[in-house]
Amino acid sequence: MAYADVYATANDAVFIGRAYIAIRAVARDVVAEAGSVTDHAHRLRLANAVLADTEMWAKVAALRLAEAGIATTATDVQLGSAIASGWNTVVSEVYWGGAVPA
C-alpha cells in the first residue's frame, strides 16, 4: 500500500470507529483471560490503557492496520483478528521497548 493509501485508510473516520470497537473487544478479552497466559501482566496493562483511552488507541490501531495492508473493506472479523494477533507485538514495543514508563 502506498503511503498516501496508508494515510487515507488510517484517517478514514469509519475505519477508526471500527478499530475502536475491535480494540475495545480485544482489550476486554485480555482483561478476562487467565493470569497464567504468557506475559499476562503486560498484556493486562495494555488492555487497561486501551480501555482508559480507547480513542487514542483506536487511532494507533487504525494506523498499524493500514500499515499492514488492511483496507477499509476488511471485515469486522478480520479487524478483530489482526488486532488480537498483534497484541503481543504492541506489548513488546510498548513495555519491553521502553516507549511507556513502567
PDB file of N, CA and C in Angstrom:
ATOM      1  N   MET A   1       0.851  -1.169   0.000  1.00  0.00           N
ATOM      2  CA  MET A   1       0.000   0.000   0.000  1.00  0.00           C
ATOM      3  C   MET A   1       0.901   1.239   0.000  1.00  0.00           C
ATOM      4  N   ALA A   2       0.644   2.173  -0.878  1.00  0.00           N
ATOM      5  CA  ALA A   2       1.423   3.409  -0.957  1.00  0.00           C
ATOM      6  C   ALA A   2       1.173   4.262   0.287  1.00  0.00           C
ATOM      7  N   TYR A   3       2.111   5.115   0.610  1.00  0.00           N
ATOM      8  CA  TYR A   3       1.977   5.970   1.796  1.00  0.00           C
ATOM      9  C   TYR A   3       0.669   6.754   1.783  1.00  0.00           C
ATOM     10  N   ALA A   4       0.308   7.282   0.638  1.00  0.00           N
ATOM     11  CA  ALA A   4      -0.939   8.049   0.545  1.00  0.00           C
ATOM     12  C   ALA A   4      -2.142   7.169   0.870  1.00  0.00           C
ATOM     13  N   ASP A   5      -2.089   5.920   0.449  1.00  0.00           N
ATOM     14  CA  ASP A   5      -3.186   4.992   0.744  1.00  0.00           C
ATOM     15  C   ASP A   5      -3.213   4.629   2.232  1.00  0.00           C
ATOM     16  N   VAL A   6      -2.046   4.421   2.810  1.00  0.00           N
ATOM     17  CA  VAL A   6      -1.967   4.138   4.246  1.00  0.00           C
ATOM     18  C   VAL A   6      -2.543   5.315   5.026  1.00  0.00           C
ATOM     19  N   TYR A   7      -2.136   6.526   4.648  1.00  0.00           N
ATOM     20  CA  TYR A   7      -2.626   7.729   5.323  1.00  0.00           C
ATOM     21  C   TYR A   7      -4.145   7.847   5.195  1.00  0.00           C
ATOM     22  N   ALA A   8      -4.655   7.640   3.994  1.00  0.00           N
ATOM     23  CA  ALA A   8      -6.094   7.749   3.767  1.00  0.00           C
ATOM     24  C   ALA A   8      -6.860   6.705   4.578  1.00  0.00           C
ATOM     25  N   THR A   9      -6.363   5.484   4.600  1.00  0.00           N
ATOM     26  CA  THR A   9      -7.027   4.420   5.354  1.00  0.00           C
ATOM     27  C   THR A   9      -6.976   4.707   6.848  1.00  0.00           C
ATOM     28  N   ALA A  10      -5.807   5.074   7.348  1.00  0.00           N
ATOM     29  CA  ALA A  10      -5.633   5.311   8.779  1.00  0.00           C
ATOM     30  C   ALA A  10      -6.440   6.502   9.276  1.00  0.00           C
ATOM     31  N   ASN A  11      -6.809   7.400   8.385  1.00  0.00           N
ATOM     32  CA  ASN A  11      -7.569   8.588   8.778  1.00  0.00           C
ATOM     33  C   ASN A  11      -9.036   8.530   8.380  1.00  0.00           C
ATOM     34  N   ASP A  12      -9.466   7.393   7.859  1.00  0.00           N
ATOM     35  CA  ASP A  12     -10.868   7.214   7.499  1.00  0.00           C
ATOM     36  C   ASP A  12     -11.689   7.091   8.792  1.00  0.00           C
ATOM     37  N   ALA A  13     -12.651   7.990   8.983  1.00  0.00           N
ATOM     38  CA  ALA A  13     -13.417   8.040  10.235  1.00  0.00           C
ATOM     39  C   ALA A  13     -14.150   6.731  10.534  1.00  0.00           C
ATOM     40  N   VAL A  14     -14.721   6.116   9.526  1.00  0.00           N
ATOM     41  CA  VAL A  14     -15.433   4.858   9.749  1.00  0.00           C
ATOM     42  C   VAL A  14     -14.443   3.753  10.124  1.00  0.00           C
ATOM     43  N   PHE A  15     -13.288   3.724   9.468  1.00  0.00           N
ATOM     44  CA  PHE A  15     -12.263   2.720   9.775  1.00  0.00           C
ATOM     45  C   PHE A  15     -11.777   2.893  11.216  1.00  0.00           C
ATOM     46  N   ILE A  16     -11.543   4.123  11.628  1.00  0.00           N
ATOM     47  CA  ILE A  16     -11.119   4.388  13.012  1.00  0.00           C
ATOM     48  C   ILE A  16     -12.207   3.938  13.982  1.00  0.00           C
ATOM     49  N   GLY A  17     -13.459   4.206  13.653  1.00  0.00           N
ATOM     50  CA  GLY A  17     -14.560   3.774  14.501  1.00  0.00           C
ATOM     51  C   GLY A  17     -14.640   2.268  14.632  1.00  0.00           C
ATOM     52  N   ARG A  18     -14.423   1.578  13.540  1.00  0.00           N
ATOM     53  CA  ARG A  18     -14.418   0.119  13.572  1.00  0.00           C
ATOM     54  C   ARG A  18     -13.224  -0.400  14.377  1.00  0.00           C
ATOM     55  N   ALA A  19     -12.078   0.264  14.240  1.00  0.00           N
ATOM     56  CA  ALA A  19     -10.901  -0.108  15.031  1.00  0.00           C
ATOM     57  C   ALA A  19     -11.182   0.120  16.519  1.00  0.00           C
ATOM     58  N   TYR A  20     -11.901   1.183  16.837  1.00  0.00           N
ATOM     59  CA  TYR A  20     -12.285   1.498  18.221  1.00  0.00           C
ATOM     60  C   TYR A  20     -13.061   0.327  18.827  1.00  0.00           C
ATOM     61  N   ILE A  21     -14.067  -0.126  18.111  1.00  0.00           N
ATOM     62  CA  ILE A  21     -14.887  -1.231  18.614  1.00  0.00           C
ATOM     63  C   ILE A  21     -14.056  -2.504  18.737  1.00  0.00           C
ATOM     64  N   ALA A  22     -13.238  -2.785  17.731  1.00  0.00           N
ATOM     65  CA  ALA A  22     -12.430  -4.011  17.733  1.00  0.00           C
ATOM     66  C   ALA A  22     -11.392  -4.002  18.844  1.00  0.00           C
ATOM     67  N   ILE A  23     -10.714  -2.892  19.048  1.00  0.00           N
ATOM     68  CA  ILE A  23      -9.657  -2.871  20.057  1.00  0.00           C
ATOM     69  C   ILE A  23     -10.236  -2.928  21.466  1.00  0.00           C
ATOM     70  N   ARG A  24     -11.422  -2.347  21.664  1.00  0.00           N
ATOM     71  CA  ARG A  24     -12.091  -2.476  22.972  1.00  0.00           C
ATOM     72  C   ARG A  24     -12.473  -3.932  23.227  1.00  0.00           C
ATOM     73  N   ALA A  25     -12.966  -4.613  22.202  1.00  0.00           N
ATOM     74  CA  ALA A  25     -13.350  -6.016  22.363  1.00  0.00           C
ATOM     75  C   ALA A  25     -12.142  -6.875  22.725  1.00  0.00           C
ATOM     76  N   VAL A  26     -11.029  -6.647  22.041  1.00  0.00           N
ATOM     77  CA  VAL A  26      -9.816  -7.413  22.343  1.00  0.00           C
ATOM     78  C   VAL A  26      -9.327  -7.076  23.746  1.00  0.00           C
ATOM     79  N   ALA A  27      -9.362  -5.816  24.123  1.00  0.00           N
ATOM     80  CA  ALA A  27      -8.929  -5.415  25.474  1.00  0.00           C
ATOM     81  C   ALA A  27      -9.783  -6.105  26.541  1.00  0.00           C
ATOM     82  N   ARG A  28     -11.087  -6.170  26.323  1.00  0.00           N
ATOM     83  CA  ARG A  28     -11.965  -6.849  27.280  1.00  0.00           C
ATOM     84  C   ARG A  28     -11.632  -8.343  27.353  1.00  0.00           C
ATOM     85  N   ASP A  29     -11.295  -8.946  26.215  1.00  0.00           N
ATOM     86  CA  ASP A  29     -10.891 -10.362  26.215  1.00  0.00           C
ATOM     87  C   ASP A  29      -9.625 -10.556  27.030  1.00  0.00           C
ATOM     88  N   VAL A  30      -8.678  -9.640  26.901  1.00  0.00           N
ATOM     89  CA  VAL A  30      -7.418  -9.742  27.644  1.00  0.00           C
ATOM     90  C   VAL A  30      -7.679  -9.587  29.143  1.00  0.00           C
ATOM     91  N   VAL A  31      -8.541  -8.664  29.513  1.00  0.00           N
ATOM     92  CA  VAL A  31      -8.879  -8.485  30.928  1.00  0.00           C
ATOM     93  C   VAL A  31      -9.463  -9.778  31.501  1.00  0.00           C
ATOM     94  N   ALA A  32     -10.239 -10.476  30.706  1.00  0.00           N
ATOM     95  CA  ALA A  32     -10.908 -11.696  31.168  1.00  0.00           C
ATOM     96  C   ALA A  32     -10.037 -12.952  31.093  1.00  0.00           C
ATOM     97  N   GLU A  33      -8.876 -12.875  30.439  1.00  0.00           N
ATOM     98  CA  GLU A  33      -8.063 -14.077  30.270  1.00  0.00           C
ATOM     99  C   GLU A  33      -7.414 -14.504  31.585  1.00  0.00           C
ATOM    100  N   ALA A  34      -6.994 -15.735  31.618  1.00  0.00           N
ATOM    101  CA  ALA A  34      -6.347 -16.290  32.817  1.00  0.00           C
ATOM    102  C   ALA A  34      -5.018 -15.592  33.079  1.00  0.00           C
ATOM    103  N   GLY A  35      -4.714 -15.437  34.338  1.00  0.00           N
ATOM    104  CA  GLY A  35      -3.453 -14.819  34.719  1.00  0.00           C
ATOM    105  C   GLY A  35      -2.241 -15.650  34.328  1.00  0.00           C
ATOM    106  N   SER A  36      -2.462 -16.893  33.966  1.00  0.00           N
ATOM    107  CA  SER A  36      -1.361 -17.780  33.581  1.00  0.00           C
ATOM    108  C   SER A  36      -0.944 -17.601  32.120  1.00  0.00           C
ATOM    109  N   VAL A  37      -1.670 -16.804  31.362  1.00  0.00           N
ATOM    110  CA  VAL A  37      -1.301 -16.547  29.966  1.00  0.00           C
ATOM    111  C   VAL A  37       0.070 -15.870  29.951  1.00  0.00           C
ATOM    112  N   THR A  38       0.918 -16.275  29.019  1.00  0.00           N
ATOM    113  CA  THR A  38       2.263 -15.708  28.922  1.00  0.00           C
ATOM    114  C   THR A  38       2.212 -14.183  28.862  1.00  0.00           C
ATOM    115  N   ASP A  39       2.998 -13.550  29.728  1.00  0.00           N
ATOM    116  CA  ASP A  39       3.131 -12.092  29.795  1.00  0.00           C
ATOM    117  C   ASP A  39       1.791 -11.400  30.084  1.00  0.00           C
ATOM    118  N   HIS A  40       0.938 -12.089  30.849  1.00  0.00           N
ATOM    119  CA  HIS A  40      -0.391 -11.535  31.143  1.00  0.00           C
ATOM    120  C   HIS A  40      -0.316 -10.168  31.807  1.00  0.00           C
ATOM    121  N   ALA A  41       0.614  -9.962  32.701  1.00  0.00           N
ATOM    122  CA  ALA A  41       0.682  -8.678  33.411  1.00  0.00           C
ATOM    123  C   ALA A  41       0.846  -7.515  32.431  1.00  0.00           C
ATOM    124  N   HIS A  42       1.723  -7.667  31.444  1.00  0.00           N
ATOM    125  CA  HIS A  42       1.912  -6.602  30.456  1.00  0.00           C
ATOM    126  C   HIS A  42       0.743  -6.529  29.490  1.00  0.00           C
ATOM    127  N   ARG A  43       0.194  -7.674  29.130  1.00  0.00           N
ATOM    128  CA  ARG A  43      -0.982  -7.686  28.259  1.00  0.00           C
ATOM    129  C   ARG A  43      -2.137  -6.954  28.948  1.00  0.00           C
ATOM    130  N   LEU A  44      -2.270  -7.177  30.250  1.00  0.00           N
ATOM    131  CA  LEU A  44      -3.325  -6.528  31.025  1.00  0.00           C
ATOM    132  C   LEU A  44      -3.086  -5.027  31.136  1.00  0.00           C
ATOM    133  N   ARG A  45      -1.841  -4.622  31.313  1.00  0.00           N
ATOM    134  CA  ARG A  45      -1.535  -3.188  31.371  1.00  0.00           C
ATOM    135  C   ARG A  45      -1.937  -2.498  30.071  1.00  0.00           C
ATOM    136  N   LEU A  46      -1.636  -3.135  28.951  1.00  0.00           N
ATOM    137  CA  LEU A  46      -2.034  -2.560  27.670  1.00  0.00           C
ATOM    138  C   LEU A  46      -3.555  -2.526  27.563  1.00  0.00           C
ATOM    139  N   ALA A  47      -4.220  -3.594  27.975  1.00  0.00           N
ATOM    140  CA  ALA A  47      -5.686  -3.633  27.917  1.00  0.00           C
ATOM    141  C   ALA A  47      -6.287  -2.498  28.745  1.00  0.00           C
ATOM    142  N   ASN A  48      -5.761  -2.289  29.930  1.00  0.00           N
ATOM    143  CA  ASN A  48      -6.270  -1.207  30.779  1.00  0.00           C
ATOM    144  C   ASN A  48      -5.993   0.157  30.170  1.00  0.00           C
ATOM    145  N   ALA A  49      -4.837   0.316  29.537  1.00  0.00           N
ATOM    146  CA  ALA A  49      -4.526   1.581  28.854  1.00  0.00           C
ATOM    147  C   ALA A  49      -5.504   1.816  27.706  1.00  0.00           C
ATOM    148  N   VAL A  50      -5.803   0.766  26.959  1.00  0.00           N
ATOM    149  CA  VAL A  50      -6.752   0.862  25.839  1.00  0.00           C
ATOM    150  C   VAL A  50      -8.136   1.243  26.356  1.00  0.00           C
ATOM    151  N   LEU A  51      -8.564   0.608  27.428  1.00  0.00           N
ATOM    152  CA  LEU A  51      -9.895   0.893  27.965  1.00  0.00           C
ATOM    153  C   LEU A  51      -9.971   2.297  28.568  1.00  0.00           C
ATOM    154  N   ALA A  52      -8.839   2.804  29.057  1.00  0.00           N
ATOM    155  CA  ALA A  52      -8.816   4.151  29.638  1.00  0.00           C
ATOM    156  C   ALA A  52      -8.801   5.251  28.573  1.00  0.00           C
ATOM    157  N   ASP A  53      -8.247   4.957  27.401  1.00  0.00           N
ATOM    158  CA  ASP A  53      -8.150   5.966  26.331  1.00  0.00           C
ATOM    159  C   ASP A  53      -8.330   5.288  24.972  1.00  0.00           C
ATOM    160  N   THR A  54      -9.505   4.733  24.779  1.00  0.00           N
ATOM    161  CA  THR A  54      -9.763   3.967  23.559  1.00  0.00           C
ATOM    162  C   THR A  54      -9.657   4.828  22.316  1.00  0.00           C
ATOM    163  N   GLU A  55     -10.033   6.083  22.412  1.00  0.00           N
ATOM    164  CA  GLU A  55      -9.983   6.951  21.230  1.00  0.00           C
ATOM    165  C   GLU A  55      -8.557   7.051  20.680  1.00  0.00           C
ATOM    166  N   MET A  56      -7.590   7.272  21.545  1.00  0.00           N
ATOM    167  CA  MET A  56      -6.197   7.376  21.102  1.00  0.00           C
ATOM    168  C   MET A  56      -5.705   6.038  20.560  1.00  0.00           C
ATOM    169  N   TRP A  57      -5.990   4.936  21.274  1.00  0.00           N
ATOM    170  CA  TRP A  57      -5.511   3.631  20.849  1.00  0.00           C
ATOM    171  C   TRP A  57      -6.192   3.171  19.563  1.00  0.00           C
ATOM    172  N   ALA A  58      -7.423   3.610  19.321  1.00  0.00           N
ATOM    173  CA  ALA A  58      -8.094   3.271  18.063  1.00  0.00           C
ATOM    174  C   ALA A  58      -7.369   3.905  16.890  1.00  0.00           C
ATOM    175  N   LYS A  59      -6.866   5.112  17.072  1.00  0.00           N
ATOM    176  CA  LYS A  59      -6.100   5.779  16.012  1.00  0.00           C
ATOM    177  C   LYS A  59      -4.779   5.047  15.767  1.00  0.00           C
ATOM    178  N   VAL A  60      -4.143   4.602  16.845  1.00  0.00           N
ATOM    179  CA  VAL A  60      -2.914   3.812  16.707  1.00  0.00           C
ATOM    180  C   VAL A  60      -3.228   2.513  15.969  1.00  0.00           C
ATOM    181  N   ALA A  61      -4.306   1.851  16.355  1.00  0.00           N
ATOM    182  CA  ALA A  61      -4.693   0.594  15.709  1.00  0.00           C
ATOM    183  C   ALA A  61      -4.991   0.812  14.231  1.00  0.00           C
ATOM    184  N   ALA A  62      -5.720   1.881  13.912  1.00  0.00           N
ATOM    185  CA  ALA A  62      -6.056   2.150  12.510  1.00  0.00           C
ATOM    186  C   ALA A  62      -4.789   2.338  11.681  1.00  0.00           C
ATOM    187  N   LEU A  63      -3.810   3.047  12.224  1.00  0.00           N
ATOM    188  CA  LEU A  63      -2.549   3.247  11.504  1.00  0.00           C
ATOM    189  C   LEU A  63      -1.814   1.924  11.326  1.00  0.00           C
ATOM    190  N   ARG A  64      -1.714   1.149  12.392  1.00  0.00           N
ATOM    191  CA  ARG A  64      -0.999  -0.136  12.298  1.00  0.00           C
ATOM    192  C   ARG A  64      -1.692  -1.093  11.341  1.00  0.00           C
ATOM    193  N   LEU A  65      -3.021  -1.103  11.354  1.00  0.00           N
ATOM    194  CA  LEU A  65      -3.767  -1.950  10.427  1.00  0.00           C
ATOM    195  C   LEU A  65      -3.504  -1.513   8.992  1.00  0.00           C
ATOM    196  N   ALA A  66      -3.556  -0.224   8.758  1.00  0.00           N
ATOM    197  CA  ALA A  66      -3.312   0.305   7.407  1.00  0.00           C
ATOM    198  C   ALA A  66      -1.886  -0.014   6.955  1.00  0.00           C
ATOM    199  N   GLU A  67      -0.926   0.136   7.861  1.00  0.00           N
ATOM    200  CA  GLU A  67       0.467  -0.188   7.519  1.00  0.00           C
ATOM    201  C   GLU A  67       0.628  -1.666   7.170  1.00  0.00           C
ATOM    202  N   ALA A  68      -0.213  -2.507   7.758  1.00  0.00           N
ATOM    203  CA  ALA A  68      -0.162  -3.946   7.481  1.00  0.00           C
ATOM    204  C   ALA A  68      -0.917  -4.302   6.201  1.00  0.00           C
ATOM    205  N   GLY A  69      -1.460  -3.288   5.533  1.00  0.00           N
ATOM    206  CA  GLY A  69      -2.151  -3.525   4.276  1.00  0.00           C
ATOM    207  C   GLY A  69      -3.620  -3.877   4.422  1.00  0.00           C
ATOM    208  N   ILE A  70      -4.154  -3.699   5.617  1.00  0.00           N
ATOM    209  CA  ILE A  70      -5.565  -3.998   5.840  1.00  0.00           C
ATOM    210  C   ILE A  70      -6.375  -2.777   5.400  1.00  0.00           C
ATOM    211  N   ALA A  71      -7.277  -3.002   4.476  1.00  0.00           N
ATOM    212  CA  ALA A  71      -8.039  -1.914   3.859  1.00  0.00           C
ATOM    213  C   ALA A  71      -9.349  -1.660   4.595  1.00  0.00           C
ATOM    214  N   THR A  72      -9.973  -0.558   4.238  1.00  0.00           N
ATOM    215  CA  THR A  72     -11.263  -0.203   4.842  1.00  0.00           C
ATOM    216  C   THR A  72     -12.341  -1.220   4.513  1.00  0.00           C
ATOM    217  N   THR A  73     -12.108  -2.043   3.507  1.00  0.00           N
ATOM    218  CA  THR A  73     -13.077  -3.071   3.112  1.00  0.00           C
ATOM    219  C   THR A  73     -12.951  -4.353   3.937  1.00  0.00           C
ATOM    220  N   ALA A  74     -11.982  -4.412   4.847  1.00  0.00           N
ATOM    221  CA  ALA A  74     -11.801  -5.599   5.683  1.00  0.00           C
ATOM    222  C   ALA A  74     -13.062  -5.841   6.507  1.00  0.00           C
ATOM    223  N   THR A  75     -13.336  -7.103   6.770  1.00  0.00           N
ATOM    224  CA  THR A  75     -14.490  -7.435   7.606  1.00  0.00           C
ATOM    225  C   THR A  75     -14.180  -7.131   9.068  1.00  0.00           C
ATOM    226  N   ASP A  76     -15.222  -7.072   9.874  1.00  0.00           N
ATOM    227  CA  ASP A  76     -15.028  -6.852  11.305  1.00  0.00           C
ATOM    228  C   ASP A  76     -14.206  -7.982  11.922  1.00  0.00           C
ATOM    229  N   VAL A  77     -14.447  -9.199  11.467  1.00  0.00           N
ATOM    230  CA  VAL A  77     -13.690 -10.347  11.964  1.00  0.00           C
ATOM    231  C   VAL A  77     -12.209 -10.187  11.627  1.00  0.00           C
ATOM    232  N   GLN A  78     -11.903  -9.727  10.418  1.00  0.00           N
ATOM    233  CA  GLN A  78     -10.504  -9.513  10.026  1.00  0.00           C
ATOM    234  C   GLN A  78      -9.850  -8.437  10.888  1.00  0.00           C
ATOM    235  N   LEU A  79     -10.573  -7.365  11.176  1.00  0.00           N
ATOM    236  CA  LEU A  79     -10.007  -6.314  12.030  1.00  0.00           C
ATOM    237  C   LEU A  79      -9.729  -6.846  13.434  1.00  0.00           C
ATOM    238  N   GLY A  80     -10.704  -7.510  14.017  1.00  0.00           N
ATOM    239  CA  GLY A  80     -10.525  -8.056  15.366  1.00  0.00           C
ATOM    240  C   GLY A  80      -9.397  -9.071  15.426  1.00  0.00           C
ATOM    241  N   SER A  81      -9.319  -9.915  14.416  1.00  0.00           N
ATOM    242  CA  SER A  81      -8.265 -10.919  14.371  1.00  0.00           C
ATOM    243  C   SER A  81      -6.885 -10.280  14.253  1.00  0.00           C
ATOM    244  N   ALA A  82      -6.772  -9.265  13.407  1.00  0.00           N
ATOM    245  CA  ALA A  82      -5.484  -8.581  13.235  1.00  0.00           C
ATOM    246  C   ALA A  82      -5.055  -7.893  14.528  1.00  0.00           C
ATOM    247  N   ILE A  83      -5.996  -7.268  15.211  1.00  0.00           N
ATOM    248  CA  ILE A  83      -5.664  -6.599  16.475  1.00  0.00           C
ATOM    249  C   ILE A  83      -5.273  -7.635  17.525  1.00  0.00           C
ATOM    250  N   ALA A  84      -6.034  -8.709  17.629  1.00  0.00           N
ATOM    251  CA  ALA A  84      -5.716  -9.751  18.611  1.00  0.00           C
ATOM    252  C   ALA A  84      -4.356 -10.379  18.333  1.00  0.00           C
ATOM    253  N   SER A  85      -4.074 -10.648  17.067  1.00  0.00           N
ATOM    254  CA  SER A  85      -2.798 -11.297  16.752  1.00  0.00           C
ATOM    255  C   SER A  85      -1.620 -10.343  16.912  1.00  0.00           C
ATOM    256  N   GLY A  86      -1.858  -9.064  16.830  1.00  0.00           N
ATOM    257  CA  GLY A  86      -0.788  -8.085  17.009  1.00  0.00           C
ATOM    258  C   GLY A  86      -0.619  -7.597  18.436  1.00  0.00           C
ATOM    259  N   TRP A  87      -1.470  -8.052  19.335  1.00  0.00           N
ATOM    260  CA  TRP A  87      -1.454  -7.559  20.719  1.00  0.00           C
ATOM    261  C   TRP A  87      -0.091  -7.739  21.376  1.00  0.00           C
ATOM    262  N   ASN A  88       0.486  -8.928  21.278  1.00  0.00           N
ATOM    263  CA  ASN A  88       1.778  -9.183  21.928  1.00  0.00           C
ATOM    264  C   ASN A  88       2.902  -8.368  21.286  1.00  0.00           C
ATOM    265  N   THR A  89       2.790  -8.085  20.000  1.00  0.00           N
ATOM    266  CA  THR A  89       3.788  -7.230  19.353  1.00  0.00           C
ATOM    267  C   THR A  89       3.751  -5.837  19.955  1.00  0.00           C
ATOM    268  N   VAL A  90       2.557  -5.315  20.143  1.00  0.00           N
ATOM    269  CA  VAL A  90       2.430  -3.983  20.751  1.00  0.00           C
ATOM    270  C   VAL A  90       2.918  -4.013  22.190  1.00  0.00           C
ATOM    271  N   VAL A  91       2.600  -5.073  22.924  1.00  0.00           N
ATOM    272  CA  VAL A  91       3.092  -5.198  24.297  1.00  0.00           C
ATOM    273  C   VAL A  91       4.612  -5.148  24.308  1.00  0.00           C
ATOM    274  N   SER A  92       5.234  -5.876  23.386  1.00  0.00           N
ATOM    275  CA  SER A  92       6.702  -5.876  23.315  1.00  0.00           C
ATOM    276  C   SER A  92       7.251  -4.488  23.029  1.00  0.00           C
ATOM    277  N   GLU A  93       6.659  -3.819  22.073  1.00  0.00           N
ATOM    278  CA  GLU A  93       7.145  -2.484  21.692  1.00  0.00           C
ATOM    279  C   GLU A  93       6.931  -1.464  22.801  1.00  0.00           C
ATOM    280  N   VAL A  94       5.782  -1.525  23.439  1.00  0.00           N
ATOM    281  CA  VAL A  94       5.447  -0.520  24.438  1.00  0.00           C
ATOM    282  C   VAL A  94       6.135  -0.787  25.762  1.00  0.00           C
ATOM    283  N   TYR A  95       6.068  -2.024  26.237  1.00  0.00           N
ATOM    284  CA  TYR A  95       6.566  -2.303  27.584  1.00  0.00           C
ATOM    285  C   TYR A  95       7.989  -2.838  27.635  1.00  0.00           C
ATOM    286  N   TRP A  96       8.397  -3.557  26.608  1.00  0.00           N
ATOM    287  CA  TRP A  96       9.767  -4.053  26.610  1.00  0.00           C
ATOM    288  C   TRP A  96      10.697  -3.106  25.875  1.00  0.00           C
ATOM    289  N   GLY A  97      10.146  -2.266  24.996  1.00  0.00           N
ATOM    290  CA  GLY A  97      10.961  -1.317  24.250  1.00  0.00           C
ATOM    291  C   GLY A  97      11.155   0.008  24.967  1.00  0.00           C
ATOM    292  N   GLY A  98      10.483   0.183  26.083  1.00  0.00           N
ATOM    293  CA  GLY A  98      10.655   1.392  26.869  1.00  0.00           C
ATOM    294  C   GLY A  98       9.871   2.591  26.403  1.00  0.00           C
ATOM    295  N   ALA A  99       8.902   2.398  25.502  1.00  0.00           N
ATOM    296  CA  ALA A  99       8.147   3.541  24.976  1.00  0.00           C
ATOM    297  C   ALA A  99       7.237   4.151  26.039  1.00  0.00           C
ATOM    298  N   VAL A 100       6.789   3.342  26.995  1.00  0.00           N
ATOM    299  CA  VAL A 100       5.932   3.828  28.071  1.00  0.00           C
ATOM    300  C   VAL A 100       6.617   3.479  29.385  1.00  0.00           C
ATOM    301  N   PRO A 101       6.739   4.432  30.297  1.00  0.00           N
ATOM    302  CA  PRO A 101       7.391   4.134  31.572  1.00  0.00           C
ATOM    303  C   PRO A 101       6.675   3.011  32.310  1.00  0.00           C
ATOM    304  N   ALA A 102       7.443   2.193  33.010  1.00  0.00           N
ATOM    305  CA  ALA A 102       6.870   1.064  33.777  1.00  0.00           C
ATOM    306  C   ALA A 102       6.149   1.559  34.999  1.00  0.00           C
TER     307      ALA A 102
END
